[in-house]
PDB file of N, CA and C in Angstrom:
ATOM      1  N   MET A   1     130.084  92.623 110.524  1.00  0.00           N
ATOM      2  CA  MET A   1     129.343  92.138 111.864  1.00  0.00           C
ATOM      3  C   MET A   1     128.015  91.116 111.444  1.00  0.00           C
ATOM      4  N   LYS A   2     127.950  90.561 111.728  1.00  0.00           N
ATOM      5  CA  LYS A   2     126.221  89.260 111.889  1.00  0.00           C
ATOM      6  C   LYS A   2     125.410  90.264 112.911  1.00  0.00           C
ATOM      7  N   LYS A   3     123.629  90.035 113.054  1.00  0.00           N
ATOM      8  CA  LYS A   3     123.698  90.893 113.803  1.00  0.00           C
ATOM      9  C   LYS A   3     121.871  89.481 113.401  1.00  0.00           C
ATOM     10  N   GLU A   4     121.624  89.041 114.843  1.00  0.00           N
ATOM     11  CA  GLU A   4     120.867  87.544 115.149  1.00  0.00           C
ATOM     12  C   GLU A   4     119.207  88.253 115.552  1.00  0.00           C
ATOM     13  N   ILE A   5     118.189  88.546 114.357  1.00  0.00           N
ATOM     14  CA  ILE A   5     117.283  89.084 114.624  1.00  0.00           C
ATOM     15  C   ILE A   5     116.601  88.349 115.298  1.00  0.00           C
ATOM     16  N   SER A   6     115.513  88.813 116.529  1.00  0.00           N
ATOM     17  CA  SER A   6     114.290  87.903 116.332  1.00  0.00           C
ATOM     18  C   SER A   6     113.582  87.878 117.147  1.00  0.00           C
ATOM     19  N   THR A   7     111.854  87.748 117.912  1.00  0.00           N
ATOM     20  CA  THR A   7     110.936  88.029 117.803  1.00  0.00           C
ATOM     21  C   THR A   7     110.529  87.609 117.927  1.00  0.00           C
ATOM     22  N   PRO A   8     109.121  87.002 119.009  1.00  0.00           N
ATOM     23  CA  PRO A   8     107.843  86.443 118.734  1.00  0.00           C
ATOM     24  C   PRO A   8     107.429  87.123 118.469  1.00  0.00           C
ATOM     25  N   ASN A   9     107.065  88.282 118.076  1.00  0.00           N
ATOM     26  CA  ASN A   9     105.853  88.766 116.804  1.00  0.00           C
ATOM     27  C   ASN A   9     105.841  88.066 115.414  1.00  0.00           C
ATOM     28  N   ALA A  10     107.115  87.989 115.388  1.00  0.00           N
ATOM     29  CA  ALA A  10     106.988  86.965 113.763  1.00  0.00           C
ATOM     30  C   ALA A  10     107.595  85.177 113.993  1.00  0.00           C
ATOM     31  N   PRO A  11     106.847  84.236 113.324  1.00  0.00           N
ATOM     32  CA  PRO A  11     106.733  83.182 113.789  1.00  0.00           C
ATOM     33  C   PRO A  11     108.036  82.675 113.988  1.00  0.00           C
ATOM     34  N   GLU A  12     108.587  81.575 114.957  1.00  0.00           N
ATOM     35  CA  GLU A  12     110.297  81.151 115.138  1.00  0.00           C
ATOM     36  C   GLU A  12     110.319  80.049 114.300  1.00  0.00           C
ATOM     37  N   ALA A  13     111.289  80.039 113.781  1.00  0.00           N
ATOM     38  CA  ALA A  13     113.083  79.525 113.008  1.00  0.00           C
ATOM     39  C   ALA A  13     112.419  77.832 112.810  1.00  0.00           C
ATOM     40  N   ILE A  14     111.917  77.174 112.050  1.00  0.00           N
ATOM     41  CA  ILE A  14     111.414  76.033 111.776  1.00  0.00           C
ATOM     42  C   ILE A  14     112.441  74.935 111.476  1.00  0.00           C
ATOM     43  N   GLY A  15     113.825  75.534 111.861  1.00  0.00           N
ATOM     44  CA  GLY A  15     114.646  74.593 111.411  1.00  0.00           C
ATOM     45  C   GLY A  15     116.166  75.652 111.762  1.00  0.00           C
ATOM     46  N   PRO A  16     117.446  75.414 111.702  1.00  0.00           N
ATOM     47  CA  PRO A  16     118.417  76.011 111.972  1.00  0.00           C
ATOM     48  C   PRO A  16     118.540  76.327 110.851  1.00  0.00           C
ATOM     49  N   TYR A  17     118.287  77.717 111.378  1.00  0.00           N
ATOM     50  CA  TYR A  17     117.969  79.044 110.517  1.00  0.00           C
ATOM     51  C   TYR A  17     117.358  80.226 111.783  1.00  0.00           C
ATOM     52  N   SER A  18     118.435  81.371 111.465  1.00  0.00           N
ATOM     53  CA  SER A  18     117.294  82.179 111.929  1.00  0.00           C
ATOM     54  C   SER A  18     116.128  83.440 111.258  1.00  0.00           C
ATOM     55  N   GLN A  19     115.214  84.336 112.656  1.00  0.00           N
ATOM     56  CA  GLN A  19     114.470  84.161 110.882  1.00  0.00           C
ATOM     57  C   GLN A  19     114.396  85.617 111.206  1.00  0.00           C
ATOM     58  N   ALA A  20     115.803  86.714 110.256  1.00  0.00           N
ATOM     59  CA  ALA A  20     116.185  87.979 110.129  1.00  0.00           C
ATOM     60  C   ALA A  20     118.065  87.920 110.555  1.00  0.00           C
ATOM     61  N   ILE A  21     118.782  88.305 110.131  1.00  0.00           N
ATOM     62  CA  ILE A  21     119.595  88.776 110.165  1.00  0.00           C
ATOM     63  C   ILE A  21     120.367  90.247 109.610  1.00  0.00           C
ATOM     64  N   GLU A  22     121.021  90.740 110.510  1.00  0.00           N
ATOM     65  CA  GLU A  22     121.383  92.477 109.866  1.00  0.00           C
ATOM     66  C   GLU A  22     122.871  91.774 109.795  1.00  0.00           C
ATOM     67  N   GLY A  23     123.462  93.506 108.968  1.00  0.00           N
ATOM     68  CA  GLY A  23     124.902  92.617 108.764  1.00  0.00           C
ATOM     69  C   GLY A  23     124.983  94.536 108.127  1.00  0.00           C
ATOM     70  N   ASN A  24     125.663  94.894 107.672  1.00  0.00           N
ATOM     71  CA  ASN A  24     126.466  95.881 107.195  1.00  0.00           C
ATOM     72  C   ASN A  24     125.193  96.935 106.813  1.00  0.00           C
ATOM     73  N   GLY A  25     123.976  97.134 107.481  1.00  0.00           N
ATOM     74  CA  GLY A  25     123.371  98.266 107.802  1.00  0.00           C
ATOM     75  C   GLY A  25     122.253  97.648 106.883  1.00  0.00           C
ATOM     76  N   MET A  26     121.785  96.313 106.663  1.00  0.00           N
ATOM     77  CA  MET A  26     120.750  96.006 105.604  1.00  0.00           C
ATOM     78  C   MET A  26     119.914  94.228 106.507  1.00  0.00           C
ATOM     79  N   ILE A  27     118.939  94.100 106.828  1.00  0.00           N
ATOM     80  CA  ILE A  27     118.379  93.451 107.166  1.00  0.00           C
ATOM     81  C   ILE A  27     118.228  92.410 105.926  1.00  0.00           C
ATOM     82  N   TYR A  28     118.660  91.336 106.558  1.00  0.00           N
ATOM     83  CA  TYR A  28     117.705  90.512 105.166  1.00  0.00           C
ATOM     84  C   TYR A  28     116.866  89.142 106.013  1.00  0.00           C
ATOM     85  N   THR A  29     116.094  89.077 105.428  1.00  0.00           N
ATOM     86  CA  THR A  29     114.682  87.411 106.505  1.00  0.00           C
ATOM     87  C   THR A  29     114.621  86.639 105.781  1.00  0.00           C
ATOM     88  N   SER A  30     114.307  85.797 106.392  1.00  0.00           N
ATOM     89  CA  SER A  30     114.086  84.769 106.147  1.00  0.00           C
ATOM     90  C   SER A  30     113.079  84.797 105.273  1.00  0.00           C
ATOM     91  N   GLY A  31     112.110  83.890 104.789  1.00  0.00           N
ATOM     92  CA  GLY A  31     111.198  83.328 104.051  1.00  0.00           C
ATOM     93  C   GLY A  31     110.208  82.998 104.880  1.00  0.00           C
ATOM     94  N   MET A  32     109.161  84.338 105.612  1.00  0.00           N
ATOM     95  CA  MET A  32     107.298  84.428 106.362  1.00  0.00           C
ATOM     96  C   MET A  32     106.684  83.483 105.653  1.00  0.00           C
ATOM     97  N   ILE A  33     105.681  82.862 106.015  1.00  0.00           N
ATOM     98  CA  ILE A  33     104.924  82.261 106.137  1.00  0.00           C
ATOM     99  C   ILE A  33     104.185  82.047 106.712  1.00  0.00           C
ATOM    100  N   PRO A  34     102.271  81.752 106.293  1.00  0.00           N
ATOM    101  CA  PRO A  34     101.537  82.497 107.666  1.00  0.00           C
ATOM    102  C   PRO A  34     101.146  81.578 108.541  1.00  0.00           C
ATOM    103  N   ILE A  35     101.794  81.912 109.807  1.00  0.00           N
ATOM    104  CA  ILE A  35     101.597  81.064 110.587  1.00  0.00           C
ATOM    105  C   ILE A  35     101.318  82.391 111.254  1.00  0.00           C
ATOM    106  N   HIS A  36     100.778  81.725 112.752  1.00  0.00           N
ATOM    107  CA  HIS A  36     100.208  82.952 113.415  1.00  0.00           C
ATOM    108  C   HIS A  36     101.520  82.812 113.947  1.00  0.00           C
ATOM    109  N   PRO A  37     101.711  84.300 115.045  1.00  0.00           N
ATOM    110  CA  PRO A  37     103.008  83.712 115.895  1.00  0.00           C
ATOM    111  C   PRO A  37     103.296  83.142 116.621  1.00  0.00           C
ATOM    112  N   GLN A  38     101.438  83.645 116.854  1.00  0.00           N
ATOM    113  CA  GLN A  38     101.228  83.306 118.698  1.00  0.00           C
ATOM    114  C   GLN A  38     101.296  82.754 119.195  1.00  0.00           C
ATOM    115  N   THR A  39     100.407  81.220 118.038  1.00  0.00           N
ATOM    116  CA  THR A  39      98.825  80.434 119.000  1.00  0.00           C
ATOM    117  C   THR A  39      99.898  79.147 117.612  1.00  0.00           C
ATOM    118  N   GLY A  40     101.078  79.559 116.934  1.00  0.00           N
ATOM    119  CA  GLY A  40     101.685  79.207 116.427  1.00  0.00           C
ATOM    120  C   GLY A  40     100.632  77.786 114.580  1.00  0.00           C
ATOM    121  N   GLU A  41      99.756  78.384 115.456  1.00  0.00           N
ATOM    122  CA  GLU A  41      98.149  77.809 114.167  1.00  0.00           C
ATOM    123  C   GLU A  41      98.519  78.317 112.453  1.00  0.00           C
ATOM    124  N   LEU A  42      98.755  77.308 111.931  1.00  0.00           N
ATOM    125  CA  LEU A  42      98.571  78.002 110.178  1.00  0.00           C
ATOM    126  C   LEU A  42      97.447  78.708 110.025  1.00  0.00           C
ATOM    127  N   VAL A  43      97.284  80.037 108.993  1.00  0.00           N
ATOM    128  CA  VAL A  43      96.204  80.618 108.347  1.00  0.00           C
ATOM    129  C   VAL A  43      96.461  78.963 107.217  1.00  0.00           C
ATOM    130  N   THR A  44      94.867  78.986 106.851  1.00  0.00           N
ATOM    131  CA  THR A  44      94.458  78.118 106.178  1.00  0.00           C
ATOM    132  C   THR A  44      93.351  78.574 105.204  1.00  0.00           C
ATOM    133  N   GLY A  45      93.629  79.714 105.274  1.00  0.00           N
ATOM    134  CA  GLY A  45      92.463  80.400 104.388  1.00  0.00           C
ATOM    135  C   GLY A  45      92.732  80.779 103.196  1.00  0.00           C
ATOM    136  N   SER A  46      91.831  81.676 102.300  1.00  0.00           N
ATOM    137  CA  SER A  46      92.535  81.982 101.327  1.00  0.00           C
ATOM    138  C   SER A  46      94.405  82.430 100.829  1.00  0.00           C
ATOM    139  N   VAL A  47      94.517  82.279  99.727  1.00  0.00           N
ATOM    140  CA  VAL A  47      95.474  83.483  99.738  1.00  0.00           C
ATOM    141  C   VAL A  47      95.703  84.432  99.942  1.00  0.00           C
ATOM    142  N   GLU A  48      94.385  85.059 100.205  1.00  0.00           N
ATOM    143  CA  GLU A  48      94.549  86.693 100.184  1.00  0.00           C
ATOM    144  C   GLU A  48      94.642  86.535 101.758  1.00  0.00           C
ATOM    145  N   GLU A  49      94.426  86.179 102.600  1.00  0.00           N
ATOM    146  CA  GLU A  49      94.412  86.101 104.118  1.00  0.00           C
ATOM    147  C   GLU A  49      96.109  85.137 104.097  1.00  0.00           C
ATOM    148  N   GLN A  50      96.546  84.171 103.694  1.00  0.00           N
ATOM    149  CA  GLN A  50      97.746  83.813 104.230  1.00  0.00           C
ATOM    150  C   GLN A  50      98.738  84.399 103.447  1.00  0.00           C
ATOM    151  N   ALA A  51      98.282  85.004 102.356  1.00  0.00           N
ATOM    152  CA  ALA A  51      98.881  86.534 102.119  1.00  0.00           C
ATOM    153  C   ALA A  51      99.288  87.213 103.165  1.00  0.00           C
ATOM    154  N   LYS A  52      98.430  88.153 103.518  1.00  0.00           N
ATOM    155  CA  LYS A  52      97.855  89.386 104.216  1.00  0.00           C
ATOM    156  C   LYS A  52      99.052  88.984 105.928  1.00  0.00           C
ATOM    157  N   GLN A  53      99.148  87.082 106.557  1.00  0.00           N
ATOM    158  CA  GLN A  53      99.292  86.801 107.301  1.00  0.00           C
ATOM    159  C   GLN A  53     101.013  86.877 107.740  1.00  0.00           C
ATOM    160  N   ALA A  54     101.953  86.455 106.402  1.00  0.00           N
ATOM    161  CA  ALA A  54     102.832  86.529 105.907  1.00  0.00           C
ATOM    162  C   ALA A  54     103.195  88.028 106.039  1.00  0.00           C
ATOM    163  N   PHE A  55     102.697  88.417 105.312  1.00  0.00           N
ATOM    164  CA  PHE A  55     103.122  90.544 104.757  1.00  0.00           C
ATOM    165  C   PHE A  55     103.444  91.051 106.437  1.00  0.00           C
ATOM    166  N   THR A  56     102.239  90.526 107.650  1.00  0.00           N
ATOM    167  CA  THR A  56     102.062  90.536 109.058  1.00  0.00           C
ATOM    168  C   THR A  56     103.590  90.430 109.396  1.00  0.00           C
ATOM    169  N   ASN A  57     104.066  89.022 109.633  1.00  0.00           N
ATOM    170  CA  ASN A  57     104.735  88.520 110.636  1.00  0.00           C
ATOM    171  C   ASN A  57     106.275  89.082 109.925  1.00  0.00           C
ATOM    172  N   LEU A  58     105.934  89.681 108.370  1.00  0.00           N
ATOM    173  CA  LEU A  58     107.493  89.916 108.500  1.00  0.00           C
ATOM    174  C   LEU A  58     107.847  91.492 108.369  1.00  0.00           C
ATOM    175  N   LYS A  59     106.282  92.012 108.278  1.00  0.00           N
ATOM    176  CA  LYS A  59     106.492  93.738 109.110  1.00  0.00           C
ATOM    177  C   LYS A  59     106.742  93.919 110.146  1.00  0.00           C
ATOM    178  N   ALA A  60     105.954  92.203 111.194  1.00  0.00           N
ATOM    179  CA  ALA A  60     106.852  92.432 112.682  1.00  0.00           C
ATOM    180  C   ALA A  60     108.468  92.965 112.982  1.00  0.00           C
ATOM    181  N   LEU A  61     108.432  91.372 111.714  1.00  0.00           N
ATOM    182  CA  LEU A  61     110.732  90.894 112.083  1.00  0.00           C
ATOM    183  C   LEU A  61     111.535  92.458 111.754  1.00  0.00           C
ATOM    184  N   LEU A  62     110.868  93.310 110.525  1.00  0.00           N
ATOM    185  CA  LEU A  62     111.433  94.217 109.939  1.00  0.00           C
ATOM    186  C   LEU A  62     110.770  95.191 111.179  1.00  0.00           C
ATOM    187  N   GLU A  63     110.134  95.422 112.363  1.00  0.00           N
ATOM    188  CA  GLU A  63     110.094  97.171 113.643  1.00  0.00           C
ATOM    189  C   GLU A  63     111.102  95.842 113.848  1.00  0.00           C
ATOM    190  N   ALA A  64     111.276  94.445 114.747  1.00  0.00           N
ATOM    191  CA  ALA A  64     111.884  94.126 115.647  1.00  0.00           C
ATOM    192  C   ALA A  64     113.267  94.644 115.411  1.00  0.00           C
ATOM    193  N   ALA A  65     113.361  94.750 113.987  1.00  0.00           N
ATOM    194  CA  ALA A  65     115.207  94.951 113.310  1.00  0.00           C
ATOM    195  C   ALA A  65     114.814  95.787 113.581  1.00  0.00           C
ATOM    196  N   GLY A  66     114.380  97.331 114.013  1.00  0.00           N
ATOM    197  CA  GLY A  66     114.441  98.685 114.138  1.00  0.00           C
ATOM    198  C   GLY A  66     114.057  98.780 112.110  1.00  0.00           C
ATOM    199  N   SER A  67     113.744  98.157 111.713  1.00  0.00           N
ATOM    200  CA  SER A  67     113.557  98.693 109.876  1.00  0.00           C
ATOM    201  C   SER A  67     111.808  99.275 109.794  1.00  0.00           C
ATOM    202  N   SER A  68     111.493  99.270 108.648  1.00  0.00           N
ATOM    203  CA  SER A  68     110.077  99.179 108.702  1.00  0.00           C
ATOM    204  C   SER A  68     109.826  98.666 107.145  1.00  0.00           C
ATOM    205  N   MET A  69     108.078  98.612 106.452  1.00  0.00           N
ATOM    206  CA  MET A  69     108.464  98.171 106.089  1.00  0.00           C
ATOM    207  C   MET A  69     108.719  98.922 104.661  1.00  0.00           C
ATOM    208  N   ASP A  70     108.610 100.782 104.772  1.00  0.00           N
ATOM    209  CA  ASP A  70     108.719 100.817 103.739  1.00  0.00           C
ATOM    210  C   ASP A  70     110.653 101.303 104.049  1.00  0.00           C
ATOM    211  N   LYS A  71     110.922 100.699 104.483  1.00  0.00           N
ATOM    212  CA  LYS A  71     112.638 100.583 104.043  1.00  0.00           C
ATOM    213  C   LYS A  71     113.320  99.369 102.753  1.00  0.00           C
ATOM    214  N   VAL A  72     112.370  98.476 102.553  1.00  0.00           N
ATOM    215  CA  VAL A  72     112.414  97.552 101.940  1.00  0.00           C
ATOM    216  C   VAL A  72     112.452  98.077 100.825  1.00  0.00           C
ATOM    217  N   ILE A  73     114.198  97.833 100.201  1.00  0.00           N
ATOM    218  CA  ILE A  73     114.089  97.304  98.383  1.00  0.00           C
ATOM    219  C   ILE A  73     114.338  96.481  98.047  1.00  0.00           C
ATOM    220  N   LYS A  74     114.157  95.409  98.110  1.00  0.00           N
ATOM    221  CA  LYS A  74     114.283  93.909  97.133  1.00  0.00           C
ATOM    222  C   LYS A  74     113.216  92.878  97.754  1.00  0.00           C
ATOM    223  N   THR A  75     111.641  92.324  97.507  1.00  0.00           N
ATOM    224  CA  THR A  75     111.250  90.919  98.371  1.00  0.00           C
ATOM    225  C   THR A  75     110.885  89.849  97.057  1.00  0.00           C
ATOM    226  N   VAL A  76     110.897  88.734  97.548  1.00  0.00           N
ATOM    227  CA  VAL A  76     111.446  87.648  96.366  1.00  0.00           C
ATOM    228  C   VAL A  76     109.737  87.281  96.526  1.00  0.00           C
ATOM    229  N   VAL A  77     109.137  86.869  96.363  1.00  0.00           N
ATOM    230  CA  VAL A  77     107.736  86.343  97.214  1.00  0.00           C
ATOM    231  C   VAL A  77     107.387  84.555  96.215  1.00  0.00           C
ATOM    232  N   PHE A  78     108.101  83.930  96.836  1.00  0.00           N
ATOM    233  CA  PHE A  78     107.032  82.433  96.099  1.00  0.00           C
ATOM    234  C   PHE A  78     105.628  82.541  96.002  1.00  0.00           C
ATOM    235  N   ILE A  79     105.303  82.137  95.335  1.00  0.00           N
ATOM    236  CA  ILE A  79     104.144  81.708  95.248  1.00  0.00           C
ATOM    237  C   ILE A  79     103.745  79.745  94.642  1.00  0.00           C
ATOM    238  N   ARG A  80     102.322  79.559  95.410  1.00  0.00           N
ATOM    239  CA  ARG A  80     102.138  78.103  94.322  1.00  0.00           C
ATOM    240  C   ARG A  80     101.787  77.826  93.489  1.00  0.00           C
ATOM    241  N   ASP A  81     100.253  78.807  92.678  1.00  0.00           N
ATOM    242  CA  ASP A  81     100.176  79.018  91.806  1.00  0.00           C
ATOM    243  C   ASP A  81     100.292  80.292  91.081  1.00  0.00           C
ATOM    244  N   MET A  82     100.613  80.287  90.118  1.00  0.00           N
ATOM    245  CA  MET A  82     101.262  81.805  89.536  1.00  0.00           C
ATOM    246  C   MET A  82      99.466  81.887  89.506  1.00  0.00           C
ATOM    247  N   GLU A  83      98.898  81.153  88.730  1.00  0.00           N
ATOM    248  CA  GLU A  83      97.196  81.930  88.996  1.00  0.00           C
ATOM    249  C   GLU A  83      96.423  83.046  90.082  1.00  0.00           C
ATOM    250  N   ASP A  84      96.846  82.856  91.408  1.00  0.00           N
ATOM    251  CA  ASP A  84      96.575  84.016  91.628  1.00  0.00           C
ATOM    252  C   ASP A  84      97.890  85.131  92.510  1.00  0.00           C
ATOM    253  N   PHE A  85      99.168  85.310  91.446  1.00  0.00           N
ATOM    254  CA  PHE A  85      99.343  85.937  91.861  1.00  0.00           C
ATOM    255  C   PHE A  85      98.751  87.458  91.678  1.00  0.00           C
ATOM    256  N   ALA A  86      97.710  87.364  90.250  1.00  0.00           N
ATOM    257  CA  ALA A  86      96.816  89.523  90.806  1.00  0.00           C
ATOM    258  C   ALA A  86      96.376  89.417  92.588  1.00  0.00           C
ATOM    259  N   LYS A  87      95.260  88.154  92.805  1.00  0.00           N
ATOM    260  CA  LYS A  87      95.910  88.110  94.298  1.00  0.00           C
ATOM    261  C   LYS A  87      96.417  88.823  95.240  1.00  0.00           C
ATOM    262  N   ILE A  88      97.805  88.153  95.176  1.00  0.00           N
ATOM    263  CA  ILE A  88      98.745  88.374  96.149  1.00  0.00           C
ATOM    264  C   ILE A  88      98.782  89.656  95.904  1.00  0.00           C
ATOM    265  N   ASN A  89      99.194  90.438  94.692  1.00  0.00           N
ATOM    266  CA  ASN A  89      99.126  91.846  94.113  1.00  0.00           C
ATOM    267  C   ASN A  89      98.349  92.190  95.094  1.00  0.00           C
ATOM    268  N   GLU A  90      97.389  92.508  95.470  1.00  0.00           N
ATOM    269  CA  GLU A  90      96.746  94.022  96.026  1.00  0.00           C
ATOM    270  C   GLU A  90      96.789  93.282  96.990  1.00  0.00           C
ATOM    271  N   VAL A  91      96.927  92.566  97.903  1.00  0.00           N
ATOM    272  CA  VAL A  91      97.601  92.267  98.970  1.00  0.00           C
ATOM    273  C   VAL A  91      99.453  93.349  99.183  1.00  0.00           C
ATOM    274  N   TYR A  92      99.908  93.171  97.958  1.00  0.00           N
ATOM    275  CA  TYR A  92     101.118  93.285  98.368  1.00  0.00           C
ATOM    276  C   TYR A  92     101.082  94.898  98.615  1.00  0.00           C
ATOM    277  N   GLU A  93      99.561  95.878  97.436  1.00  0.00           N
ATOM    278  CA  GLU A  93      99.460  96.507  97.591  1.00  0.00           C
ATOM    279  C   GLU A  93      99.168  97.518  98.721  1.00  0.00           C
ATOM    280  N   THR A  94      98.860  96.541  99.604  1.00  0.00           N
ATOM    281  CA  THR A  94      98.668  97.927 101.012  1.00  0.00           C
ATOM    282  C   THR A  94     100.063  97.368 101.596  1.00  0.00           C
ATOM    283  N   PHE A  95     100.659  96.575 102.173  1.00  0.00           N
ATOM    284  CA  PHE A  95     101.814  97.131 102.422  1.00  0.00           C
ATOM    285  C   PHE A  95     103.067  97.785 101.880  1.00  0.00           C
ATOM    286  N   PHE A  96     103.372  97.982 101.093  1.00  0.00           N
ATOM    287  CA  PHE A  96     104.554  98.946 100.161  1.00  0.00           C
ATOM    288  C   PHE A  96     103.407 100.294  99.535  1.00  0.00           C
ATOM    289  N   THR A  97     104.243 100.996  99.182  1.00  0.00           N
ATOM    290  CA  THR A  97     103.821 102.367  98.707  1.00  0.00           C
ATOM    291  C   THR A  97     105.061 101.982  97.762  1.00  0.00           C
ATOM    292  N   THR A  98     104.970 103.431  96.814  1.00  0.00           N
ATOM    293  CA  THR A  98     105.803 103.775  96.339  1.00  0.00           C
ATOM    294  C   THR A  98     107.259 104.326  96.787  1.00  0.00           C
ATOM    295  N   PRO A  99     108.230 103.957  96.491  1.00  0.00           N
ATOM    296  CA  PRO A  99     108.593 102.901  95.095  1.00  0.00           C
ATOM    297  C   PRO A  99     108.614 102.172  95.503  1.00  0.00           C
ATOM    298  N   TYR A 100     107.579 101.523  94.363  1.00  0.00           N
ATOM    299  CA  TYR A 100     107.286  99.582  96.455  1.00  0.00           C
ATOM    300  C   TYR A 100     108.655  99.376  95.602  1.00  0.00           C
ATOM    301  N   PRO A 101     109.064  97.735  96.258  1.00  0.00           N
ATOM    302  CA  PRO A 101     111.024  97.640  96.363  1.00  0.00           C
ATOM    303  C   PRO A 101     110.545  97.026  95.014  1.00  0.00           C
ATOM    304  N   ALA A 102     111.674  96.589  94.293  1.00  0.00           N
ATOM    305  CA  ALA A 102     111.977  95.482  93.263  1.00  0.00           C
ATOM    306  C   ALA A 102     111.147  94.488  93.521  1.00  0.00           C
ATOM    307  N   ARG A 103     111.309  93.205  93.278  1.00  0.00           N
ATOM    308  CA  ARG A 103     110.749  92.122  93.247  1.00  0.00           C
ATOM    309  C   ARG A 103     110.644  91.401  92.291  1.00  0.00           C
ATOM    310  N   SER A 104     110.686  90.313  92.810  1.00  0.00           N
ATOM    311  CA  SER A 104     111.178  88.516  92.284  1.00  0.00           C
ATOM    312  C   SER A 104     109.689  88.261  92.373  1.00  0.00           C
ATOM    313  N   CYS A 105     108.988  87.209  91.967  1.00  0.00           N
ATOM    314  CA  CYS A 105     108.316  86.135  92.207  1.00  0.00           C
ATOM    315  C   CYS A 105     108.571  84.692  91.128  1.00  0.00           C
ATOM    316  N   VAL A 106     108.357  83.608  92.077  1.00  0.00           N
ATOM    317  CA  VAL A 106     108.659  82.163  91.476  1.00  0.00           C
ATOM    318  C   VAL A 106     107.092  82.012  91.660  1.00  0.00           C
ATOM    319  N   GLU A 107     107.251  80.687  90.829  1.00  0.00           N
ATOM    320  CA  GLU A 107     106.043  79.483  91.592  1.00  0.00           C
ATOM    321  C   GLU A 107     106.787  77.896  91.932  1.00  0.00           C
ATOM    322  N   ALA A 108     106.547  78.186  93.466  1.00  0.00           N
ATOM    323  CA  ALA A 108     107.195  76.948  93.405  1.00  0.00           C
ATOM    324  C   ALA A 108     105.881  75.980  93.552  1.00  0.00           C
ATOM    325  N   ALA A 109     106.727  75.130  93.714  1.00  0.00           N
ATOM    326  CA  ALA A 109     106.296  73.583  93.206  1.00  0.00           C
ATOM    327  C   ALA A 109     105.731  73.176  94.770  1.00  0.00           C
ATOM    328  N   ARG A 110     106.638  73.459  95.895  1.00  0.00           N
ATOM    329  CA  ARG A 110     105.747  72.903  96.674  1.00  0.00           C
ATOM    330  C   ARG A 110     106.867  74.068  97.746  1.00  0.00           C
ATOM    331  N   LEU A 111     106.053  74.999  99.337  1.00  0.00           N
ATOM    332  CA  LEU A 111     106.233  75.772  99.781  1.00  0.00           C
ATOM    333  C   LEU A 111     106.227  74.441 100.938  1.00  0.00           C
ATOM    334  N   PRO A 112     107.040  74.698 102.270  1.00  0.00           N
ATOM    335  CA  PRO A 112     107.207  74.506 103.658  1.00  0.00           C
ATOM    336  C   PRO A 112     105.681  74.190 103.956  1.00  0.00           C
ATOM    337  N   LYS A 113     104.854  73.424 105.071  1.00  0.00           N
ATOM    338  CA  LYS A 113     103.934  73.673 105.302  1.00  0.00           C
ATOM    339  C   LYS A 113     103.101  73.605 103.979  1.00  0.00           C
ATOM    340  N   ASP A 114     102.727  73.023 102.793  1.00  0.00           N
ATOM    341  CA  ASP A 114     102.347  73.177 101.776  1.00  0.00           C
ATOM    342  C   ASP A 114     101.489  74.751 101.671  1.00  0.00           C
ATOM    343  N   VAL A 115     102.019  75.386 101.648  1.00  0.00           N
ATOM    344  CA  VAL A 115     101.375  76.841 102.177  1.00  0.00           C
ATOM    345  C   VAL A 115     101.638  77.874 100.474  1.00  0.00           C
ATOM    346  N   ALA A 116     100.419  78.467 100.611  1.00  0.00           N
ATOM    347  CA  ALA A 116     100.050  79.240  99.445  1.00  0.00           C
ATOM    348  C   ALA A 116     101.438  80.056  99.412  1.00  0.00           C
ATOM    349  N   VAL A 117     101.784  80.360  99.818  1.00  0.00           N
ATOM    350  CA  VAL A 117     102.988  82.087  99.860  1.00  0.00           C
ATOM    351  C   VAL A 117     103.987  82.094 101.342  1.00  0.00           C
ATOM    352  N   GLU A 118     104.253  82.964 100.366  1.00  0.00           N
ATOM    353  CA  GLU A 118     106.717  82.287 101.314  1.00  0.00           C
ATOM    354  C   GLU A 118     107.312  84.085 101.177  1.00  0.00           C
ATOM    355  N   ILE A 119     107.491  84.169 101.608  1.00  0.00           N
ATOM    356  CA  ILE A 119     107.787  86.252 101.536  1.00  0.00           C
ATOM    357  C   ILE A 119     109.480  86.129 101.707  1.00  0.00           C
ATOM    358  N   GLU A 120     109.850  85.755 101.449  1.00  0.00           N
ATOM    359  CA  GLU A 120     111.529  86.712 101.976  1.00  0.00           C
ATOM    360  C   GLU A 120     111.875  88.063 102.076  1.00  0.00           C
ATOM    361  N   ALA A 121     112.131  89.696 102.470  1.00  0.00           N
ATOM    362  CA  ALA A 121     113.122  90.104 101.853  1.00  0.00           C
ATOM    363  C   ALA A 121     114.443  91.279 102.471  1.00  0.00           C
ATOM    364  N   VAL A 122     114.600  92.422 101.600  1.00  0.00           N
ATOM    365  CA  VAL A 122     115.853  92.956 102.280  1.00  0.00           C
ATOM    366  C   VAL A 122     116.010  93.935 102.008  1.00  0.00           C
ATOM    367  N   ALA A 123     115.583  94.820 103.161  1.00  0.00           N
ATOM    368  CA  ALA A 123     115.117  96.079 103.928  1.00  0.00           C
ATOM    369  C   ALA A 123     116.491  96.994 104.234  1.00  0.00           C
ATOM    370  N   LEU A 124     116.962  98.079 104.245  1.00  0.00           N
ATOM    371  CA  LEU A 124     117.771  98.959 104.820  1.00  0.00           C
ATOM    372  C   LEU A 124     117.466  98.663 106.677  1.00  0.00           C
ATOM    373  N   LYS A 125     118.053  99.252 107.515  1.00  0.00           N
ATOM    374  CA  LYS A 125     118.426  99.305 108.402  1.00  0.00           C
ATOM    375  C   LYS A 125     117.272 100.766 108.915  1.00  0.00           C
TER     376      LYS A 125
END
């Protein structure tokens, strides 16, 4: 059985998808981009500022699902420019502790709203 997860503390879905889905004790999130959920405004600062907001949104979504960043087992990080990899890693390390989740990082030609980073995760409930 699948259950929709939704919270006002993460950006609303901007299309026909859910913020996250819970199924069989797992949480699957949609990609989180750097939108401030209370204002709906895009965070357009440095890649570090954008990553911090995207991870903050991800954290809020996981907490709404009854999970946490400590329960994340896999992330996928989409970045606009692979030159930002080290900067995003610095932010990543502030949201996760060892053992770190498994991760893929992909440079994407274009992300929603032309942001610098988008992050999705799979976590245990």
